[in-house]
N, C-alpha and C. Protein backbone atom coordinates (compact mmCIF):
# COMPACT_ATOMS: atom_id res chain seq x y z
N MET A 1 -37.83 4.12 7.66
CA MET A 1 -39.07 3.85 7.76
C MET A 1 -39.59 5.13 8.35
N SER A 2 -40.93 5.31 8.44
CA SER A 2 -41.66 6.41 8.94
C SER A 2 -41.70 6.07 10.18
N THR A 3 -42.09 6.99 11.13
CA THR A 3 -42.60 6.32 12.69
C THR A 3 -44.16 6.29 12.78
N TYR A 4 -45.01 6.61 11.46
CA TYR A 4 -46.35 6.04 11.38
C TYR A 4 -46.68 5.25 10.65
N ILE A 5 -45.76 4.72 9.35
CA ILE A 5 -45.64 3.14 9.36
C ILE A 5 -45.17 2.23 10.33
N GLU A 6 -44.66 2.47 10.93
CA GLU A 6 -43.99 1.55 12.28
C GLU A 6 -44.93 1.39 12.79
N ARG A 7 -45.80 2.27 13.01
CA ARG A 7 -46.79 2.33 14.05
C ARG A 7 -48.06 1.26 13.82
N MET A 8 -48.17 1.29 12.01
CA MET A 8 -49.18 0.76 11.58
C MET A 8 -48.53 -0.64 11.40
N ILE A 9 -47.38 -1.10 11.11
CA ILE A 9 -46.76 -2.33 11.32
C ILE A 9 -47.54 -2.91 12.39
N GLU A 10 -46.56 -2.65 13.75
CA GLU A 10 -46.89 -2.70 14.61
C GLU A 10 -48.60 -3.22 14.78
N GLU A 11 -49.19 -2.47 14.86
CA GLU A 11 -51.06 -2.73 14.87
C GLU A 11 -51.11 -3.92 14.00
N GLN A 12 -50.59 -4.34 12.96
CA GLN A 12 -51.12 -5.76 12.03
C GLN A 12 -50.52 -6.33 12.93
N LEU A 13 -49.01 -6.45 13.51
CA LEU A 13 -48.82 -7.82 13.76
C LEU A 13 -49.58 -8.08 15.61
N GLN A 14 -50.13 -6.95 15.97
CA GLN A 14 -50.94 -7.45 16.97
C GLN A 14 -52.23 -7.96 16.72
N LEU A 15 -53.05 -7.33 15.62
CA LEU A 15 -53.76 -7.37 14.80
C LEU A 15 -54.27 -8.97 14.86
N ARG A 16 -53.28 -9.37 14.26
CA ARG A 16 -52.72 -10.95 13.29
C ARG A 16 -52.56 -11.67 14.62
N GLU A 17 -52.44 -11.22 15.86
CA GLU A 17 -52.28 -12.43 16.84
C GLU A 17 -53.05 -12.25 17.67
N ARG A 18 -54.12 -11.10 17.67
CA ARG A 18 -55.67 -11.42 18.27
C ARG A 18 -56.36 -12.38 17.05
N LEU A 19 -56.21 -12.26 16.23
CA LEU A 19 -57.29 -12.99 15.12
C LEU A 19 -56.95 -14.30 15.39
N ARG A 20 -55.70 -14.70 15.36
CA ARG A 20 -55.28 -16.07 15.47
C ARG A 20 -55.87 -16.54 16.66
N LYS A 21 -55.99 -15.70 17.67
CA LYS A 21 -56.55 -16.50 18.96
C LYS A 21 -57.96 -16.18 19.13
N LEU A 22 -58.37 -15.55 18.56
CA LEU A 22 -60.02 -15.68 18.17
C LEU A 22 -60.65 -17.17 17.42
N GLU A 23 -59.64 -16.43 15.90
CA GLU A 23 -60.00 -17.79 15.18
C GLU A 23 -59.53 -19.31 16.14
N ALA A 24 -58.60 -19.78 16.74
CA ALA A 24 -58.17 -20.61 17.72
C ALA A 24 -59.46 -20.99 19.29
N PHE A 25 -60.05 -19.97 19.12
CA PHE A 25 -61.02 -19.92 20.32
C PHE A 25 -62.00 -20.47 19.71
N ILE A 26 -62.40 -20.13 18.45
CA ILE A 26 -63.78 -20.31 18.08
C ILE A 26 -64.13 -22.07 17.13
N ASP A 27 -63.05 -22.52 17.54
CA ASP A 27 -62.74 -23.67 17.32
C ASP A 27 -62.40 -24.74 18.33
N THR A 28 -63.08 -24.06 19.60
CA THR A 28 -63.17 -25.20 20.45
C THR A 28 -64.71 -25.56 21.18
N PRO A 29 -64.54 -26.46 21.61
CA PRO A 29 -65.99 -26.34 22.48
C PRO A 29 -66.93 -25.30 23.27
N LYS A 30 -65.88 -24.90 23.68
CA LYS A 30 -66.12 -23.85 25.09
C LYS A 30 -66.91 -22.89 23.82
N PHE A 31 -66.00 -22.48 23.06
CA PHE A 31 -67.15 -21.59 21.73
C PHE A 31 -68.40 -21.65 21.12
N ASP A 32 -68.46 -23.38 21.40
CA ASP A 32 -70.00 -24.17 21.25
C ASP A 32 -70.99 -23.94 21.95
N GLY A 33 -70.48 -24.01 23.15
CA GLY A 33 -71.29 -23.95 24.60
C GLY A 33 -71.76 -22.20 24.91
N LEU A 34 -71.52 -21.53 23.92
CA LEU A 34 -72.00 -20.10 23.88
C LEU A 34 -73.59 -19.90 23.55
N ASP A 35 -73.76 -19.15 23.74
CA ASP A 35 -75.31 -19.30 23.05
C ASP A 35 -75.17 -18.78 21.46
N GLU A 36 -76.36 -18.65 20.94
CA GLU A 36 -76.31 -17.78 19.31
C GLU A 36 -75.67 -16.90 19.23
N LEU A 37 -76.10 -15.67 19.93
CA LEU A 37 -75.99 -14.44 19.52
C LEU A 37 -74.36 -14.24 19.68
N ASP A 38 -73.91 -15.11 21.00
CA ASP A 38 -72.49 -14.80 21.54
C ASP A 38 -71.02 -15.26 20.14
N ARG A 39 -71.72 -16.29 19.71
CA ARG A 39 -71.30 -17.04 18.69
C ARG A 39 -71.56 -16.14 17.55
N ASN A 40 -72.20 -15.86 16.80
CA ASN A 40 -72.18 -14.80 16.14
C ASN A 40 -71.77 -13.61 15.92
N LEU A 41 -71.71 -12.77 17.31
CA LEU A 41 -71.28 -11.22 17.82
C LEU A 41 -69.73 -12.05 17.17
N LEU A 42 -69.20 -13.05 17.73
CA LEU A 42 -67.87 -13.43 17.55
C LEU A 42 -66.71 -13.72 15.84
N ARG A 43 -68.08 -14.03 15.84
CA ARG A 43 -67.61 -14.11 14.20
C ARG A 43 -67.54 -13.08 13.42
N SER A 44 -68.95 -12.61 14.23
CA SER A 44 -68.37 -11.15 12.92
C SER A 44 -67.17 -9.83 13.33
N GLN A 45 -66.79 -10.57 14.49
CA GLN A 45 -65.71 -9.67 15.04
C GLN A 45 -64.29 -10.58 14.14
N SER A 46 -64.68 -11.55 13.95
CA SER A 46 -63.29 -12.38 13.01
C SER A 46 -63.32 -11.47 11.82
N TRP A 47 -64.50 -11.51 11.34
CA TRP A 47 -64.83 -10.69 9.90
C TRP A 47 -64.48 -9.77 9.74
N ALA A 48 -64.75 -8.80 10.72
CA ALA A 48 -64.19 -7.39 10.98
C ALA A 48 -62.77 -6.87 10.76
N THR A 49 -62.05 -7.99 11.74
CA THR A 49 -60.61 -8.17 12.03
C THR A 49 -60.12 -8.15 10.50
N ILE A 50 -60.43 -9.18 10.11
CA ILE A 50 -59.93 -9.50 8.56
C ILE A 50 -60.10 -9.02 7.95
N ASN A 51 -60.67 -7.69 7.36
CA ASN A 51 -61.35 -6.95 6.94
C ASN A 51 -60.19 -5.58 7.32
N TYR A 52 -59.94 -5.09 8.61
CA TYR A 52 -59.12 -3.96 9.25
C TYR A 52 -57.69 -4.54 8.30
N LEU A 53 -57.17 -5.63 9.19
CA LEU A 53 -55.95 -6.11 7.97
C LEU A 53 -55.96 -6.20 7.00
N GLU A 54 -56.56 -6.27 6.32
CA GLU A 54 -56.56 -5.99 4.82
C GLU A 54 -56.52 -4.85 4.30
N ILE A 55 -57.21 -3.45 5.25
CA ILE A 55 -57.07 -2.34 5.10
C ILE A 55 -55.72 -1.39 5.24
N LEU A 56 -55.46 -1.88 6.32
CA LEU A 56 -54.13 -1.85 7.03
C LEU A 56 -53.26 -2.30 6.56
N ALA A 57 -53.09 -3.64 5.64
CA ALA A 57 -51.96 -4.18 4.56
C ALA A 57 -51.71 -3.02 3.04
N GLN A 58 -53.10 -2.21 2.77
CA GLN A 58 -53.19 -1.37 1.34
C GLN A 58 -52.48 0.36 1.97
N ARG A 59 -52.90 0.41 3.08
CA ARG A 59 -52.59 1.34 3.47
C ARG A 59 -50.76 1.28 3.56
N ILE A 60 -50.06 0.38 4.44
CA ILE A 60 -48.71 -0.10 4.55
C ILE A 60 -48.21 -0.02 3.37
N GLU A 61 -48.64 -0.48 1.81
CA GLU A 61 -48.36 -0.36 0.70
C GLU A 61 -48.22 0.70 0.41
N ARG A 62 -49.86 1.54 0.57
CA ARG A 62 -49.65 2.80 -0.38
C ARG A 62 -48.35 3.92 0.53
N ALA A 63 -48.01 3.31 1.85
CA ALA A 63 -47.28 4.29 2.13
C ALA A 63 -45.61 4.24 2.06
N ASP A 64 -45.00 2.84 1.45
CA ASP A 64 -44.16 2.59 1.16
C ASP A 64 -43.69 3.65 0.13
């Protein structure tokens, strides 16, 4: 396997973990205590991370 593919796979694993933690935080009372703008920004970050993961998966698949 090529080095750049390995780097993409590692990045994918790290992003999945960050997304898991962010989604877990979104389900907490602490998140509910944030102001509306901060909650919206965190939700947007979650959606952007999901999109990023989807793109990364496609790149990895095409590189195989």
